[in-house]
Amino acid sequence: MEKRTPTYDLEGFRQEFCSAKALRMTRTAQDTGLQLGLTLQDVVQVVQSMKRAHFSKSMTSHANHRIWQDVYHVPWGSVLLYVKLTVDDRGRLILSMKEK
């Protein structure tokens, strides 16, 4: 299922992920970010640069259709990043960060 409005408050992600130590990412998001040459501090800067205008869609997880994931297309240098965010029982989480 998809919708065109964000499920989660982007400002909450910006406030929480204000330092490399505060980031919470899946291993896949970390690995693909590293492949793009992004440091953890770069990831913080990407999150801090995200705007509502970068929002693309909100979609449910393939495994559980009650879990929503917000997708953003974020410009970073000469690259357009695909960033997927969610909230789980442990809090905010970056699910994916890769080149679109």
PDB file of N, CA and C in Angstrom:
ATOM      1  N   MET A   1       0.846  -1.170   0.000  1.00  0.00           N
ATOM      2  CA  MET A   1       0.000   0.000   0.000  1.00  0.00           C
ATOM      3  C   MET A   1       0.897   1.240   0.000  1.00  0.00           C
ATOM      4  N   GLU A   2       0.472   2.273  -0.688  1.00  0.00           N
ATOM      5  CA  GLU A   2       1.211   3.529  -0.754  1.00  0.00           C
ATOM      6  C   GLU A   2       0.285   4.704  -0.489  1.00  0.00           C
ATOM      7  N   LYS A   3       0.892   5.790  -0.029  1.00  0.00           N
ATOM      8  CA  LYS A   3       0.168   7.054   0.108  1.00  0.00           C
ATOM      9  C   LYS A   3       1.145   8.188  -0.170  1.00  0.00           C
ATOM     10  N   ARG A   4       0.621   9.344  -0.434  1.00  0.00           N
ATOM     11  CA  ARG A   4       1.440  10.488  -0.841  1.00  0.00           C
ATOM     12  C   ARG A   4       1.668  11.506   0.272  1.00  0.00           C
ATOM     13  N   THR A   5       1.391  11.127   1.504  1.00  0.00           N
ATOM     14  CA  THR A   5       1.683  11.998   2.643  1.00  0.00           C
ATOM     15  C   THR A   5       2.581  11.235   3.609  1.00  0.00           C
ATOM     16  N   PRO A   6       3.531  11.925   4.243  1.00  0.00           N
ATOM     17  CA  PRO A   6       4.436  11.239   5.167  1.00  0.00           C
ATOM     18  C   PRO A   6       3.686  10.686   6.379  1.00  0.00           C
ATOM     19  N   THR A   7       4.148   9.551   6.846  1.00  0.00           N
ATOM     20  CA  THR A   7       3.596   8.952   8.059  1.00  0.00           C
ATOM     21  C   THR A   7       4.264   9.546   9.293  1.00  0.00           C
ATOM     22  N   TYR A   8       5.547   9.837   9.179  1.00  0.00           N
ATOM     23  CA  TYR A   8       6.345  10.266  10.329  1.00  0.00           C
ATOM     24  C   TYR A   8       6.773  11.723  10.196  1.00  0.00           C
ATOM     25  N   ASP A   9       6.988  12.340  11.336  1.00  0.00           N
ATOM     26  CA  ASP A   9       7.412  13.730  11.407  1.00  0.00           C
ATOM     27  C   ASP A   9       8.905  13.826  11.083  1.00  0.00           C
ATOM     28  N   LEU A  10       9.237  14.422   9.956  1.00  0.00           N
ATOM     29  CA  LEU A  10      10.630  14.556   9.544  1.00  0.00           C
ATOM     30  C   LEU A  10      11.443  15.333  10.573  1.00  0.00           C
ATOM     31  N   GLU A  11      10.843  16.334  11.175  1.00  0.00           N
ATOM     32  CA  GLU A  11      11.555  17.134  12.177  1.00  0.00           C
ATOM     33  C   GLU A  11      12.029  16.263  13.339  1.00  0.00           C
ATOM     34  N   GLY A  12      11.254  15.263  13.708  1.00  0.00           N
ATOM     35  CA  GLY A  12      11.668  14.340  14.766  1.00  0.00           C
ATOM     36  C   GLY A  12      12.935  13.589  14.404  1.00  0.00           C
ATOM     37  N   PHE A  13      13.060  13.176  13.146  1.00  0.00           N
ATOM     38  CA  PHE A  13      14.284  12.510  12.687  1.00  0.00           C
ATOM     39  C   PHE A  13      15.451  13.486  12.721  1.00  0.00           C
ATOM     40  N   ARG A  14      15.230  14.722  12.267  1.00  0.00           N
ATOM     41  CA  ARG A  14      16.314  15.715  12.276  1.00  0.00           C
ATOM     42  C   ARG A  14      16.770  16.005  13.698  1.00  0.00           C
ATOM     43  N   GLN A  15      15.830  16.125  14.617  1.00  0.00           N
ATOM     44  CA  GLN A  15      16.201  16.411  16.003  1.00  0.00           C
ATOM     45  C   GLN A  15      16.952  15.249  16.637  1.00  0.00           C
ATOM     46  N   GLU A  16      16.486  14.030  16.403  1.00  0.00           N
ATOM     47  CA  GLU A  16      17.118  12.868  17.032  1.00  0.00           C
ATOM     48  C   GLU A  16      18.468  12.531  16.410  1.00  0.00           C
ATOM     49  N   PHE A  17      18.571  12.600  15.091  1.00  0.00           N
ATOM     50  CA  PHE A  17      19.798  12.203  14.405  1.00  0.00           C
ATOM     51  C   PHE A  17      20.691  13.417  14.157  1.00  0.00           C
ATOM     52  N   CYS A  18      21.055  14.096  15.237  1.00  0.00           N
ATOM     53  CA  CYS A  18      21.852  15.319  15.138  1.00  0.00           C
ATOM     54  C   CYS A  18      23.346  15.056  15.322  1.00  0.00           C
ATOM     55  N   SER A  19      23.729  13.804  15.584  1.00  0.00           N
ATOM     56  CA  SER A  19      25.139  13.439  15.713  1.00  0.00           C
ATOM     57  C   SER A  19      25.319  12.009  15.215  1.00  0.00           C
ATOM     58  N   ALA A  20      26.558  11.676  14.876  1.00  0.00           N
ATOM     59  CA  ALA A  20      26.847  10.320  14.395  1.00  0.00           C
ATOM     60  C   ALA A  20      26.513   9.286  15.463  1.00  0.00           C
ATOM     61  N   LYS A  21      26.750   9.628  16.702  1.00  0.00           N
ATOM     62  CA  LYS A  21      26.476   8.703  17.807  1.00  0.00           C
ATOM     63  C   LYS A  21      24.978   8.414  17.942  1.00  0.00           C
ATOM     64  N   ALA A  22      24.148   9.372  17.571  1.00  0.00           N
ATOM     65  CA  ALA A  22      22.695   9.232  17.725  1.00  0.00           C
ATOM     66  C   ALA A  22      22.042   8.465  16.577  1.00  0.00           C
ATOM     67  N   LEU A  23      22.773   8.248  15.474  1.00  0.00           N
ATOM     68  CA  LEU A  23      22.184   7.571  14.312  1.00  0.00           C
ATOM     69  C   LEU A  23      21.780   6.141  14.638  1.00  0.00           C
ATOM     70  N   ARG A  24      20.701   5.728  14.062  1.00  0.00           N
ATOM     71  CA  ARG A  24      20.257   4.328  14.123  1.00  0.00           C
ATOM     72  C   ARG A  24      19.906   3.923  12.707  1.00  0.00           C
ATOM     73  N   MET A  25      20.708   2.992  12.157  1.00  0.00           N
ATOM     74  CA  MET A  25      20.583   2.590  10.757  1.00  0.00           C
ATOM     75  C   MET A  25      20.645   1.070  10.647  1.00  0.00           C
ATOM     76  N   THR A  26      19.994   0.541   9.620  1.00  0.00           N
ATOM     77  CA  THR A  26      20.162  -0.878   9.323  1.00  0.00           C
ATOM     78  C   THR A  26      21.575  -1.091   8.783  1.00  0.00           C
ATOM     79  N   ARG A  27      22.042  -2.322   8.853  1.00  0.00           N
ATOM     80  CA  ARG A  27      23.369  -2.655   8.311  1.00  0.00           C
ATOM     81  C   ARG A  27      23.407  -2.358   6.804  1.00  0.00           C
ATOM     82  N   THR A  28      22.329  -2.650   6.115  1.00  0.00           N
ATOM     83  CA  THR A  28      22.268  -2.378   4.673  1.00  0.00           C
ATOM     84  C   THR A  28      22.418  -0.889   4.395  1.00  0.00           C
ATOM     85  N   ALA A  29      21.730  -0.049   5.159  1.00  0.00           N
ATOM     86  CA  ALA A  29      21.840   1.400   4.973  1.00  0.00           C
ATOM     87  C   ALA A  29      23.268   1.867   5.236  1.00  0.00           C
ATOM     88  N   GLN A  30      23.899   1.327   6.272  1.00  0.00           N
ATOM     89  CA  GLN A  30      25.293   1.684   6.565  1.00  0.00           C
ATOM     90  C   GLN A  30      26.210   1.268   5.419  1.00  0.00           C
ATOM     91  N   ASP A  31      26.046   0.033   4.954  1.00  0.00           N
ATOM     92  CA  ASP A  31      26.917  -0.491   3.900  1.00  0.00           C
ATOM     93  C   ASP A  31      26.762   0.270   2.588  1.00  0.00           C
ATOM     94  N   THR A  32      25.520   0.546   2.181  1.00  0.00           N
ATOM     95  CA  THR A  32      25.327   1.266   0.917  1.00  0.00           C
ATOM     96  C   THR A  32      25.790   2.715   1.039  1.00  0.00           C
ATOM     97  N   GLY A  33      25.633   3.294   2.222  1.00  0.00           N
ATOM     98  CA  GLY A  33      26.164   4.634   2.446  1.00  0.00           C
ATOM     99  C   GLY A  33      27.677   4.658   2.315  1.00  0.00           C
ATOM    100  N   LEU A  34      28.341   3.668   2.906  1.00  0.00           N
ATOM    101  CA  LEU A  34      29.798   3.573   2.795  1.00  0.00           C
ATOM    102  C   LEU A  34      30.234   3.381   1.348  1.00  0.00           C
ATOM    103  N   GLN A  35      29.489   2.584   0.598  1.00  0.00           N
ATOM    104  CA  GLN A  35      29.810   2.366  -0.819  1.00  0.00           C
ATOM    105  C   GLN A  35      29.731   3.664  -1.618  1.00  0.00           C
ATOM    106  N   LEU A  36      28.875   4.578  -1.164  1.00  0.00           N
ATOM    107  CA  LEU A  36      28.762   5.890  -1.817  1.00  0.00           C
ATOM    108  C   LEU A  36      29.813   6.871  -1.309  1.00  0.00           C
ATOM    109  N   GLY A  37      30.606   6.442  -0.321  1.00  0.00           N
ATOM    110  CA  GLY A  37      31.622   7.312   0.252  1.00  0.00           C
ATOM    111  C   GLY A  37      31.118   8.177   1.388  1.00  0.00           C
ATOM    112  N   LEU A  38      29.934   7.866   1.921  1.00  0.00           N
ATOM    113  CA  LEU A  38      29.368   8.656   3.015  1.00  0.00           C
ATOM    114  C   LEU A  38      29.929   8.198   4.358  1.00  0.00           C
ATOM    115  N   THR A  39      30.425   9.140   5.136  1.00  0.00           N
ATOM    116  CA  THR A  39      30.794   8.859   6.518  1.00  0.00           C
ATOM    117  C   THR A  39      29.534   8.986   7.372  1.00  0.00           C
ATOM    118  N   LEU A  40      29.618   8.578   8.632  1.00  0.00           N
ATOM    119  CA  LEU A  40      28.461   8.748   9.517  1.00  0.00           C
ATOM    120  C   LEU A  40      28.124  10.226   9.684  1.00  0.00           C
ATOM    121  N   GLN A  41      29.144  11.083   9.708  1.00  0.00           N
ATOM    122  CA  GLN A  41      28.883  12.523   9.804  1.00  0.00           C
ATOM    123  C   GLN A  41      28.180  13.025   8.544  1.00  0.00           C
ATOM    124  N   ASP A  42      28.530  12.465   7.391  1.00  0.00           N
ATOM    125  CA  ASP A  42      27.815  12.808   6.153  1.00  0.00           C
ATOM    126  C   ASP A  42      26.346  12.407   6.251  1.00  0.00           C
ATOM    127  N   VAL A  43      26.077  11.232   6.825  1.00  0.00           N
ATOM    128  CA  VAL A  43      24.690  10.776   6.988  1.00  0.00           C
ATOM    129  C   VAL A  43      23.923  11.763   7.862  1.00  0.00           C
ATOM    130  N   VAL A  44      24.560  12.234   8.934  1.00  0.00           N
ATOM    131  CA  VAL A  44      23.926  13.247   9.787  1.00  0.00           C
ATOM    132  C   VAL A  44      23.599  14.479   8.950  1.00  0.00           C
ATOM    133  N   GLN A  45      24.535  14.916   8.123  1.00  0.00           N
ATOM    134  CA  GLN A  45      24.312  16.101   7.299  1.00  0.00           C
ATOM    135  C   GLN A  45      23.202  15.870   6.273  1.00  0.00           C
ATOM    136  N   VAL A  46      23.134  14.655   5.729  1.00  0.00           N
ATOM    137  CA  VAL A  46      22.044  14.329   4.799  1.00  0.00           C
ATOM    138  C   VAL A  46      20.706  14.469   5.516  1.00  0.00           C
ATOM    139  N   VAL A  47      20.595  13.863   6.698  1.00  0.00           N
ATOM    140  CA  VAL A  47      19.339  13.928   7.463  1.00  0.00           C
ATOM    141  C   VAL A  47      18.999  15.378   7.792  1.00  0.00           C
ATOM    142  N   GLN A  48      19.993  16.150   8.209  1.00  0.00           N
ATOM    143  CA  GLN A  48      19.747  17.547   8.565  1.00  0.00           C
ATOM    144  C   GLN A  48      19.323  18.375   7.354  1.00  0.00           C
ATOM    145  N   SER A  49      19.738  17.953   6.155  1.00  0.00           N
ATOM    146  CA  SER A  49      19.392  18.708   4.941  1.00  0.00           C
ATOM    147  C   SER A  49      18.027  18.327   4.367  1.00  0.00           C
ATOM    148  N   MET A  50      17.433  17.257   4.885  1.00  0.00           N
ATOM    149  CA  MET A  50      16.169  16.767   4.321  1.00  0.00           C
ATOM    150  C   MET A  50      15.038  17.758   4.551  1.00  0.00           C
ATOM    151  N   LYS A  51      14.210  17.904   3.509  1.00  0.00           N
ATOM    152  CA  LYS A  51      13.067  18.819   3.557  1.00  0.00           C
ATOM    153  C   LYS A  51      11.809  18.064   3.146  1.00  0.00           C
ATOM    154  N   ARG A  52      10.687  18.599   3.524  1.00  0.00           N
ATOM    155  CA  ARG A  52       9.393  18.012   3.148  1.00  0.00           C
ATOM    156  C   ARG A  52       9.274  17.906   1.630  1.00  0.00           C
ATOM    157  N   ALA A  53       9.875  18.848   0.916  1.00  0.00           N
ATOM    158  CA  ALA A  53       9.823  18.835  -0.548  1.00  0.00           C
ATOM    159  C   ALA A  53      10.543  17.621  -1.143  1.00  0.00           C
ATOM    160  N   HIS A  54      11.419  16.989  -0.373  1.00  0.00           N
ATOM    161  CA  HIS A  54      12.133  15.797  -0.843  1.00  0.00           C
ATOM    162  C   HIS A  54      11.288  14.531  -0.706  1.00  0.00           C
ATOM    163  N   PHE A  55      10.151  14.630  -0.019  1.00  0.00           N
ATOM    164  CA  PHE A  55       9.301  13.455   0.204  1.00  0.00           C
ATOM    165  C   PHE A  55       8.791  12.906  -1.123  1.00  0.00           C
ATOM    166  N   SER A  56       8.828  11.565  -1.255  1.00  0.00           N
ATOM    167  CA  SER A  56       8.337  10.906  -2.462  1.00  0.00           C
ATOM    168  C   SER A  56       7.046  10.139  -2.203  1.00  0.00           C
ATOM    169  N   LYS A  57       7.076   9.236  -1.213  1.00  0.00           N
ATOM    170  CA  LYS A  57       5.894   8.428  -0.911  1.00  0.00           C
ATOM    171  C   LYS A  57       6.059   7.763   0.444  1.00  0.00           C
ATOM    172  N   SER A  58       4.961   7.280   0.959  1.00  0.00           N
ATOM    173  CA  SER A  58       4.955   6.450   2.155  1.00  0.00           C
ATOM    174  C   SER A  58       4.397   5.103   1.730  1.00  0.00           C
ATOM    175  N   MET A  59       5.056   4.037   2.146  1.00  0.00           N
ATOM    176  CA  MET A  59       4.631   2.702   1.737  1.00  0.00           C
ATOM    177  C   MET A  59       4.727   1.740   2.907  1.00  0.00           C
ATOM    178  N   THR A  60       3.978   0.676   2.832  1.00  0.00           N
ATOM    179  CA  THR A  60       4.031  -0.311   3.902  1.00  0.00           C
ATOM    180  C   THR A  60       5.162  -1.294   3.645  1.00  0.00           C
ATOM    181  N   SER A  61       5.619  -1.889   4.724  1.00  0.00           N
ATOM    182  CA  SER A  61       6.647  -2.922   4.660  1.00  0.00           C
ATOM    183  C   SER A  61       6.095  -4.150   3.945  1.00  0.00           C
ATOM    184  N   HIS A  62       6.951  -4.833   3.208  1.00  0.00           N
ATOM    185  CA  HIS A  62       6.521  -6.068   2.544  1.00  0.00           C
ATOM    186  C   HIS A  62       6.184  -7.144   3.573  1.00  0.00           C
ATOM    187  N   ALA A  63       6.912  -7.147   4.690  1.00  0.00           N
ATOM    188  CA  ALA A  63       6.715  -8.180   5.713  1.00  0.00           C
ATOM    189  C   ALA A  63       5.500  -7.920   6.595  1.00  0.00           C
ATOM    190  N   ASN A  64       5.177  -6.633   6.816  1.00  0.00           N
ATOM    191  CA  ASN A  64       4.076  -6.293   7.713  1.00  0.00           C
ATOM    192  C   ASN A  64       3.389  -5.037   7.178  1.00  0.00           C
ATOM    193  N   HIS A  65       2.198  -5.186   6.677  1.00  0.00           N
ATOM    194  CA  HIS A  65       1.501  -4.063   6.041  1.00  0.00           C
ATOM    195  C   HIS A  65       0.966  -3.030   7.026  1.00  0.00           C
ATOM    196  N   ARG A  66       1.274  -3.202   8.298  1.00  0.00           N
ATOM    197  CA  ARG A  66       0.917  -2.179   9.290  1.00  0.00           C
ATOM    198  C   ARG A  66       2.093  -1.260   9.592  1.00  0.00           C
ATOM    199  N   ILE A  67       3.278  -1.597   9.087  1.00  0.00           N
ATOM    200  CA  ILE A  67       4.478  -0.790   9.316  1.00  0.00           C
ATOM    201  C   ILE A  67       4.711   0.097   8.096  1.00  0.00           C
ATOM    202  N   TRP A  68       4.718   1.411   8.330  1.00  0.00           N
ATOM    203  CA  TRP A  68       4.894   2.373   7.247  1.00  0.00           C
ATOM    204  C   TRP A  68       6.348   2.798   7.130  1.00  0.00           C
ATOM    205  N   GLN A  69       6.754   3.115   5.905  1.00  0.00           N
ATOM    206  CA  GLN A  69       8.104   3.568   5.595  1.00  0.00           C
ATOM    207  C   GLN A  69       7.992   4.798   4.703  1.00  0.00           C
ATOM    208  N   ASP A  70       8.646   5.885   5.112  1.00  0.00           N
ATOM    209  CA  ASP A  70       8.625   7.118   4.327  1.00  0.00           C
ATOM    210  C   ASP A  70       9.859   7.175   3.432  1.00  0.00           C
ATOM    211  N   VAL A  71       9.655   7.486   2.160  1.00  0.00           N
ATOM    212  CA  VAL A  71      10.738   7.546   1.178  1.00  0.00           C
ATOM    213  C   VAL A  71      10.970   9.002   0.772  1.00  0.00           C
ATOM    214  N   TYR A  72      12.246   9.393   0.792  1.00  0.00           N
ATOM    215  CA  TYR A  72      12.657  10.735   0.382  1.00  0.00           C
ATOM    216  C   TYR A  72      13.722  10.614  -0.703  1.00  0.00           C
ATOM    217  N   HIS A  73      13.725  11.543  -1.646  1.00  0.00           N
ATOM    218  CA  HIS A  73      14.770  11.656  -2.661  1.00  0.00           C
ATOM    219  C   HIS A  73      15.536  12.935  -2.327  1.00  0.00           C
ATOM    220  N   VAL A  74      16.753  12.752  -1.828  1.00  0.00           N
ATOM    221  CA  VAL A  74      17.513  13.864  -1.254  1.00  0.00           C
ATOM    222  C   VAL A  74      18.751  14.156  -2.100  1.00  0.00           C
ATOM    223  N   PRO A  75      18.887  15.382  -2.619  1.00  0.00           N
ATOM    224  CA  PRO A  75      20.100  15.725  -3.360  1.00  0.00           C
ATOM    225  C   PRO A  75      21.300  15.789  -2.416  1.00  0.00           C
ATOM    226  N   TRP A  76      22.409  15.182  -2.863  1.00  0.00           N
ATOM    227  CA  TRP A  76      23.644  15.208  -2.069  1.00  0.00           C
ATOM    228  C   TRP A  76      24.805  15.308  -3.057  1.00  0.00           C
ATOM    229  N   GLY A  77      25.353  16.497  -3.190  1.00  0.00           N
ATOM    230  CA  GLY A  77      26.377  16.711  -4.205  1.00  0.00           C
ATOM    231  C   GLY A  77      25.772  16.472  -5.579  1.00  0.00           C
ATOM    232  N   SER A  78      26.420  15.623  -6.355  1.00  0.00           N
ATOM    233  CA  SER A  78      25.928  15.320  -7.703  1.00  0.00           C
ATOM    234  C   SER A  78      25.027  14.089  -7.730  1.00  0.00           C
ATOM    235  N   VAL A  79      24.686  13.563  -6.548  1.00  0.00           N
ATOM    236  CA  VAL A  79      23.920  12.321  -6.434  1.00  0.00           C
ATOM    237  C   VAL A  79      22.538  12.610  -5.849  1.00  0.00           C
ATOM    238  N   LEU A  80      21.548  11.867  -6.299  1.00  0.00           N
ATOM    239  CA  LEU A  80      20.227  11.905  -5.677  1.00  0.00           C
ATOM    240  C   LEU A  80      20.105  10.646  -4.822  1.00  0.00           C
ATOM    241  N   LEU A  81      19.941  10.838  -3.516  1.00  0.00           N
ATOM    242  CA  LEU A  81      19.859   9.717  -2.586  1.00  0.00           C
ATOM    243  C   LEU A  81      18.418   9.277  -2.380  1.00  0.00           C
ATOM    244  N   TYR A  82      18.239   7.986  -2.252  1.00  0.00           N
ATOM    245  CA  TYR A  82      16.965   7.358  -1.884  1.00  0.00           C
ATOM    246  C   TYR A  82      17.099   7.036  -0.403  1.00  0.00           C
ATOM    247  N   VAL A  83      16.316   7.716   0.426  1.00  0.00           N
ATOM    248  CA  VAL A  83      16.395   7.534   1.875  1.00  0.00           C
ATOM    249  C   VAL A  83      15.039   7.050   2.374  1.00  0.00           C
ATOM    250  N   LYS A  84      15.056   5.924   3.078  1.00  0.00           N
ATOM    251  CA  LYS A  84      13.810   5.351   3.600  1.00  0.00           C
ATOM    252  C   LYS A  84      13.879   5.356   5.125  1.00  0.00           C
ATOM    253  N   LEU A  85      12.846   5.933   5.752  1.00  0.00           N
ATOM    254  CA  LEU A  85      12.770   6.082   7.204  1.00  0.00           C
ATOM    255  C   LEU A  85      11.555   5.351   7.757  1.00  0.00           C
ATOM    256  N   THR A  86      11.681   4.878   8.989  1.00  0.00           N
ATOM    257  CA  THR A  86      10.541   4.276   9.676  1.00  0.00           C
ATOM    258  C   THR A  86      10.701   4.478  11.175  1.00  0.00           C
ATOM    259  N   VAL A  87       9.694   4.064  11.904  1.00  0.00           N
ATOM    260  CA  VAL A  87       9.750   4.026  13.367  1.00  0.00           C
ATOM    261  C   VAL A  87       9.314   2.631  13.779  1.00  0.00           C
ATOM    262  N   ASP A  88      10.135   1.993  14.612  1.00  0.00           N
ATOM    263  CA  ASP A  88       9.774   0.671  15.121  1.00  0.00           C
ATOM    264  C   ASP A  88       9.668   0.724  16.638  1.00  0.00           C
ATOM    265  N   ASP A  89       9.602  -0.423  17.277  1.00  0.00           N
ATOM    266  CA  ASP A  89       9.419  -0.448  18.732  1.00  0.00           C
ATOM    267  C   ASP A  89      10.621   0.106  19.491  1.00  0.00           C
ATOM    268  N   ARG A  90      11.753   0.284  18.817  1.00  0.00           N
ATOM    269  CA  ARG A  90      12.944   0.869  19.448  1.00  0.00           C
ATOM    270  C   ARG A  90      13.131   2.337  19.090  1.00  0.00           C
ATOM    271  N   GLY A  91      12.299   2.863  18.194  1.00  0.00           N
ATOM    272  CA  GLY A  91      12.396   4.275  17.840  1.00  0.00           C
ATOM    273  C   GLY A  91      12.628   4.498  16.360  1.00  0.00           C
ATOM    274  N   ARG A  92      13.192   5.663  16.043  1.00  0.00           N
ATOM    275  CA  ARG A  92      13.419   6.054  14.651  1.00  0.00           C
ATOM    276  C   ARG A  92      14.562   5.240  14.043  1.00  0.00           C
ATOM    277  N   LEU A  93      14.448   4.965  12.733  1.00  0.00           N
ATOM    278  CA  LEU A  93      15.408   4.093  12.065  1.00  0.00           C
ATOM    279  C   LEU A  93      15.551   4.491  10.598  1.00  0.00           C
ATOM    280  N   ILE A  94      16.802   4.565  10.129  1.00  0.00           N
ATOM    281  CA  ILE A  94      17.077   4.737   8.704  1.00  0.00           C
ATOM    282  C   ILE A  94      17.176   3.339   8.109  1.00  0.00           C
ATOM    283  N   LEU A  95      16.205   2.996   7.277  1.00  0.00           N
ATOM    284  CA  LEU A  95      16.163   1.664   6.667  1.00  0.00           C
ATOM    285  C   LEU A  95      17.067   1.553   5.453  1.00  0.00           C
ATOM    286  N   SER A  96      17.138   2.625   4.673  1.00  0.00           N
ATOM    287  CA  SER A  96      17.857   2.570   3.409  1.00  0.00           C
ATOM    288  C   SER A  96      18.442   3.932   3.087  1.00  0.00           C
ATOM    289  N   MET A  97      19.656   3.928   2.538  1.00  0.00           N
ATOM    290  CA  MET A  97      20.285   5.145   2.040  1.00  0.00           C
ATOM    291  C   MET A  97      21.170   4.717   0.880  1.00  0.00           C
ATOM    292  N   LYS A  98      20.686   4.982  -0.325  1.00  0.00           N
ATOM    293  CA  LYS A  98      21.408   4.538  -1.515  1.00  0.00           C
ATOM    294  C   LYS A  98      21.187   5.540  -2.631  1.00  0.00           C
ATOM    295  N   GLU A  99      21.921   5.354  -3.716  1.00  0.00           N
ATOM    296  CA  GLU A  99      21.726   6.224  -4.870  1.00  0.00           C
ATOM    297  C   GLU A  99      20.430   5.850  -5.569  1.00  0.00           C
ATOM    298  N   LYS A 100      19.639   6.868  -5.893  1.00  0.00           N
ATOM    299  CA  LYS A 100      18.362   6.609  -6.579  1.00  0.00           C
ATOM    300  C   LYS A 100      18.616   6.254  -8.025  1.00  0.00           C
TER     301      LYS A 100
END
